[in-house]
Amino acid sequence: MIRTFEGELDGSGLQIGVAVATWNRSVTDRLLEAALARLEELGAAVTVLRVPGALELPLASRALIDAGCDAIVAIGTIVRGDTDHYEIVVRESTAGIARVALDTGIPVANAILAVNEFAHAVERAGAGPANKGFEAAEAAVSTAVALRGLHAG
């Protein structure tokens, strides 16, 4: 017997947390706007928690889970500079949100942009379904629904 669980894009009854960094706010606000619009279309309830930067996103994600969220969207923008700081922030923020998901069993969708140039971030935060906030919102809902189905048996 084969059992398959696949998440649908129906956020009814889900509480989705959105952890969003304010660093590079002109981009993160566009990612947030797209995520919120898509989550509203999908019928999910949403809680937004703003933090200073990408390194704070794992803690913010964990706090949203502890507050009862069924899935998280983590939004940030990291632009390469002239120092190693870029690699550290990218590595630690993404590893941190992955650890939160694995430690809690709650999905954390990654909308942390790691780009070489600011213009690349602007492109990924444009209007429409190619917006990484939009994509992460769908990933969070779909995964939460699939996991809910699996746990229900």
C-alpha atoms as a PDB file:
ATOM      1  CA  MET A   1       0.000   0.000   0.000  1.00  0.00           C
ATOM      2  CA  ILE A   2       1.257   3.477  -0.905  1.00  0.00           C
ATOM      3  CA  ARG A   3       0.132   6.535   1.018  1.00  0.00           C
ATOM      4  CA  THR A   4       0.938   9.940  -0.419  1.00  0.00           C
ATOM      5  CA  PHE A   5       0.535  13.254   1.326  1.00  0.00           C
ATOM      6  CA  GLU A   6       0.830  16.433  -0.687  1.00  0.00           C
ATOM      7  CA  GLY A   7       0.089  19.889   0.544  1.00  0.00           C
ATOM      8  CA  GLU A   8      -2.630  21.891  -1.080  1.00  0.00           C
ATOM      9  CA  LEU A   9      -2.614  25.646  -1.300  1.00  0.00           C
ATOM     10  CA  ASP A  10      -5.393  26.067   1.239  1.00  0.00           C
ATOM     11  CA  GLY A  11      -4.401  28.026   4.309  1.00  0.00           C
ATOM     12  CA  SER A  12      -7.800  27.741   6.008  1.00  0.00           C
ATOM     13  CA  GLY A  13      -7.289  27.114   9.699  1.00  0.00           C
ATOM     14  CA  LEU A  14      -3.541  27.777   9.525  1.00  0.00           C
ATOM     15  CA  GLN A  15      -1.681  30.393  11.520  1.00  0.00           C
ATOM     16  CA  ILE A  16       1.364  31.463   9.528  1.00  0.00           C
ATOM     17  CA  GLY A  17       4.147  33.473  11.109  1.00  0.00           C
ATOM     18  CA  VAL A  18       6.243  35.830   9.046  1.00  0.00           C
ATOM     19  CA  ALA A  19       9.632  36.771  10.467  1.00  0.00           C
ATOM     20  CA  VAL A  20      10.983  39.721   8.497  1.00  0.00           C
ATOM     21  CA  ALA A  21      14.268  41.583   8.767  1.00  0.00           C
ATOM     22  CA  THR A  22      14.184  45.360   8.542  1.00  0.00           C
ATOM     23  CA  TRP A  23      17.732  45.546   7.140  1.00  0.00           C
ATOM     24  CA  ASN A  24      17.393  46.369   3.403  1.00  0.00           C
ATOM     25  CA  ARG A  25      13.798  47.250   4.159  1.00  0.00           C
ATOM     26  CA  SER A  26      13.065  48.571   0.668  1.00  0.00           C
ATOM     27  CA  VAL A  27      13.408  44.958  -0.515  1.00  0.00           C
ATOM     28  CA  THR A  28      12.123  43.062   2.520  1.00  0.00           C
ATOM     29  CA  ASP A  29       8.953  45.152   2.576  1.00  0.00           C
ATOM     30  CA  ARG A  30       8.252  44.113  -1.035  1.00  0.00           C
ATOM     31  CA  LEU A  31       8.850  40.463  -0.151  1.00  0.00           C
ATOM     32  CA  LEU A  32       6.593  40.856   2.884  1.00  0.00           C
ATOM     33  CA  GLU A  33       3.865  42.544   0.847  1.00  0.00           C
ATOM     34  CA  ALA A  34       3.821  39.680  -1.670  1.00  0.00           C
ATOM     35  CA  ALA A  35       3.856  37.043   1.082  1.00  0.00           C
ATOM     36  CA  LEU A  36       0.994  38.709   2.955  1.00  0.00           C
ATOM     37  CA  ALA A  37      -1.088  39.108  -0.199  1.00  0.00           C
ATOM     38  CA  ARG A  38      -0.607  35.437  -1.103  1.00  0.00           C
ATOM     39  CA  LEU A  39      -1.326  34.231   2.434  1.00  0.00           C
ATOM     40  CA  GLU A  40      -4.525  36.274   2.456  1.00  0.00           C
ATOM     41  CA  GLU A  41      -5.547  34.721  -0.889  1.00  0.00           C
ATOM     42  CA  LEU A  42      -4.881  31.274   0.582  1.00  0.00           C
ATOM     43  CA  GLY A  43      -7.047  32.013   3.645  1.00  0.00           C
ATOM     44  CA  ALA A  44      -4.339  31.831   6.311  1.00  0.00           C
ATOM     45  CA  ALA A  45      -4.217  33.922   9.467  1.00  0.00           C
ATOM     46  CA  VAL A  46      -0.907  35.769   9.771  1.00  0.00           C
ATOM     47  CA  THR A  47       1.328  37.126  12.513  1.00  0.00           C
ATOM     48  CA  VAL A  48       4.280  39.336  11.508  1.00  0.00           C
ATOM     49  CA  LEU A  49       7.377  39.749  13.674  1.00  0.00           C
ATOM     50  CA  ARG A  50       9.947  42.319  12.560  1.00  0.00           C
ATOM     51  CA  VAL A  51      13.576  41.994  13.636  1.00  0.00           C
ATOM     52  CA  PRO A  52      16.700  43.979  12.715  1.00  0.00           C
ATOM     53  CA  GLY A  53      18.497  41.569  10.391  1.00  0.00           C
ATOM     54  CA  ALA A  54      18.884  38.086   8.948  1.00  0.00           C
ATOM     55  CA  LEU A  55      20.828  36.775  11.947  1.00  0.00           C
ATOM     56  CA  GLU A  56      17.769  37.411  14.129  1.00  0.00           C
ATOM     57  CA  LEU A  57      15.420  35.452  11.835  1.00  0.00           C
ATOM     58  CA  PRO A  58      16.016  32.017  13.422  1.00  0.00           C
ATOM     59  CA  LEU A  59      15.134  33.320  16.893  1.00  0.00           C
ATOM     60  CA  ALA A  60      12.127  35.212  15.522  1.00  0.00           C
ATOM     61  CA  SER A  61      10.981  32.071  13.701  1.00  0.00           C
ATOM     62  CA  ARG A  62      11.266  30.031  16.897  1.00  0.00           C
ATOM     63  CA  ALA A  63       9.337  32.671  18.841  1.00  0.00           C
ATOM     64  CA  LEU A  64       6.517  32.582  16.282  1.00  0.00           C
ATOM     65  CA  ILE A  65       6.386  28.793  16.530  1.00  0.00           C
ATOM     66  CA  ASP A  66       6.304  29.019  20.326  1.00  0.00           C
ATOM     67  CA  ALA A  67       3.381  31.449  19.926  1.00  0.00           C
ATOM     68  CA  GLY A  68       1.430  28.760  18.038  1.00  0.00           C
ATOM     69  CA  CYS A  69       2.192  29.259  14.349  1.00  0.00           C
ATOM     70  CA  ASP A  70       1.783  26.254  12.045  1.00  0.00           C
ATOM     71  CA  ALA A  71       4.462  27.419   9.596  1.00  0.00           C
ATOM     72  CA  ILE A  72       6.878  30.310   9.176  1.00  0.00           C
ATOM     73  CA  VAL A  73       8.067  32.472   6.302  1.00  0.00           C
ATOM     74  CA  ALA A  74      11.525  33.940   7.011  1.00  0.00           C
ATOM     75  CA  ILE A  75      12.244  37.089   4.977  1.00  0.00           C
ATOM     76  CA  GLY A  76      15.577  38.857   4.693  1.00  0.00           C
ATOM     77  CA  THR A  77      18.027  40.321   2.208  1.00  0.00           C
ATOM     78  CA  ILE A  78      21.794  39.904   2.374  1.00  0.00           C
ATOM     79  CA  VAL A  79      23.909  41.739  -0.198  1.00  0.00           C
ATOM     80  CA  ARG A  80      27.556  40.765  -0.732  1.00  0.00           C
ATOM     81  CA  GLY A  81      30.043  43.369   0.404  1.00  0.00           C
ATOM     82  CA  ASP A  82      33.811  43.595   0.574  1.00  0.00           C
ATOM     83  CA  THR A  83      34.219  41.485   3.721  1.00  0.00           C
ATOM     84  CA  ASP A  84      33.556  37.920   4.870  1.00  0.00           C
ATOM     85  CA  HIS A  85      30.534  39.157   6.800  1.00  0.00           C
ATOM     86  CA  TYR A  86      28.274  38.199   3.866  1.00  0.00           C
ATOM     87  CA  GLU A  87      29.267  34.516   4.020  1.00  0.00           C
ATOM     88  CA  ILE A  88      28.835  34.420   7.784  1.00  0.00           C
ATOM     89  CA  VAL A  89      25.370  36.003   7.733  1.00  0.00           C
ATOM     90  CA  VAL A  90      24.153  33.828   4.844  1.00  0.00           C
ATOM     91  CA  ARG A  91      25.475  30.620   6.395  1.00  0.00           C
ATOM     92  CA  GLU A  92      24.298  31.281   9.931  1.00  0.00           C
ATOM     93  CA  SER A  93      20.858  32.671   9.111  1.00  0.00           C
ATOM     94  CA  THR A  94      19.974  29.837   6.735  1.00  0.00           C
ATOM     95  CA  ALA A  95      21.431  27.165   9.009  1.00  0.00           C
ATOM     96  CA  GLY A  96      19.525  28.722  11.899  1.00  0.00           C
ATOM     97  CA  ILE A  97      16.127  28.625  10.241  1.00  0.00           C
ATOM     98  CA  ALA A  98      16.778  25.058   9.057  1.00  0.00           C
ATOM     99  CA  ARG A  99      17.646  24.082  12.630  1.00  0.00           C
ATOM    100  CA  VAL A 100      14.461  25.681  13.944  1.00  0.00           C
ATOM    101  CA  ALA A 101      12.408  23.673  11.446  1.00  0.00           C
ATOM    102  CA  LEU A 102      14.186  20.414  12.266  1.00  0.00           C
ATOM    103  CA  ASP A 103      14.093  20.971  16.041  1.00  0.00           C
ATOM    104  CA  THR A 104      10.383  21.845  16.087  1.00  0.00           C
ATOM    105  CA  GLY A 105       8.937  19.894  13.164  1.00  0.00           C
ATOM    106  CA  ILE A 106       7.335  23.127  11.937  1.00  0.00           C
ATOM    107  CA  PRO A 107       8.110  24.296   8.392  1.00  0.00           C
ATOM    108  CA  VAL A 108      10.195  27.427   7.964  1.00  0.00           C
ATOM    109  CA  ALA A 109      10.117  28.610   4.347  1.00  0.00           C
ATOM    110  CA  ASN A 110      13.254  30.452   3.283  1.00  0.00           C
ATOM    111  CA  ALA A 111      12.779  33.858   1.676  1.00  0.00           C
ATOM    112  CA  ILE A 112      16.214  35.109   2.680  1.00  0.00           C
ATOM    113  CA  LEU A 113      17.752  36.557  -0.453  1.00  0.00           C
ATOM    114  CA  ALA A 114      21.528  36.183  -0.701  1.00  0.00           C
ATOM    115  CA  VAL A 115      22.685  38.251  -3.668  1.00  0.00           C
ATOM    116  CA  ASN A 116      25.858  39.688  -5.132  1.00  0.00           C
ATOM    117  CA  GLU A 117      24.288  43.020  -6.044  1.00  0.00           C
ATOM    118  CA  PHE A 118      21.374  44.987  -4.649  1.00  0.00           C
ATOM    119  CA  ALA A 119      19.743  45.017  -8.103  1.00  0.00           C
ATOM    120  CA  HIS A 120      19.476  41.219  -7.929  1.00  0.00           C
ATOM    121  CA  ALA A 121      17.455  41.519  -4.724  1.00  0.00           C
ATOM    122  CA  VAL A 122      15.151  44.075  -6.318  1.00  0.00           C
ATOM    123  CA  GLU A 123      14.547  41.662  -9.233  1.00  0.00           C
ATOM    124  CA  ARG A 124      13.580  38.836  -6.847  1.00  0.00           C
ATOM    125  CA  ALA A 125      11.206  41.138  -4.986  1.00  0.00           C
ATOM    126  CA  GLY A 126       9.263  42.221  -8.058  1.00  0.00           C
ATOM    127  CA  ALA A 127       5.532  41.898  -8.586  1.00  0.00           C
ATOM    128  CA  GLY A 128       3.951  38.549  -9.309  1.00  0.00           C
ATOM    129  CA  PRO A 129       4.505  34.885  -8.500  1.00  0.00           C
ATOM    130  CA  ALA A 130       8.290  35.082  -9.115  1.00  0.00           C
ATOM    131  CA  ASN A 131       8.562  37.203  -5.961  1.00  0.00           C
ATOM    132  CA  LYS A 132      10.431  35.091  -3.402  1.00  0.00           C
ATOM    133  CA  GLY A 133       8.057  36.176  -0.613  1.00  0.00           C
ATOM    134  CA  PHE A 134       5.124  34.890  -2.687  1.00  0.00           C
ATOM    135  CA  GLU A 135       6.965  31.598  -3.329  1.00  0.00           C
ATOM    136  CA  ALA A 136       7.865  31.132   0.332  1.00  0.00           C
ATOM    137  CA  ALA A 137       4.269  31.802   1.416  1.00  0.00           C
ATOM    138  CA  GLU A 138       3.093  29.008  -0.869  1.00  0.00           C
ATOM    139  CA  ALA A 139       5.844  26.684   0.356  1.00  0.00           C
ATOM    140  CA  ALA A 140       4.934  27.326   4.001  1.00  0.00           C
ATOM    141  CA  VAL A 141       1.222  26.626   3.463  1.00  0.00           C
ATOM    142  CA  SER A 142       1.762  23.601   1.240  1.00  0.00           C
ATOM    143  CA  THR A 143       4.234  21.990   3.630  1.00  0.00           C
ATOM    144  CA  ALA A 144       2.091  22.681   6.691  1.00  0.00           C
ATOM    145  CA  VAL A 145      -0.941  21.130   4.991  1.00  0.00           C
ATOM    146  CA  ALA A 146       1.058  18.058   3.892  1.00  0.00           C
ATOM    147  CA  LEU A 147       2.458  17.546   7.397  1.00  0.00           C
ATOM    148  CA  ARG A 148      -0.975  18.002   8.947  1.00  0.00           C
ATOM    149  CA  GLY A 149      -2.311  15.275   6.634  1.00  0.00           C
ATOM    150  CA  LEU A 150       0.559  12.953   7.522  1.00  0.00           C
ATOM    151  CA  HIS A 151       0.040  13.418  11.250  1.00  0.00           C
ATOM    152  CA  ALA A 152      -3.706  12.896  10.889  1.00  0.00           C
ATOM    153  CA  GLY A 153      -2.904   9.535   9.327  1.00  0.00           C
END
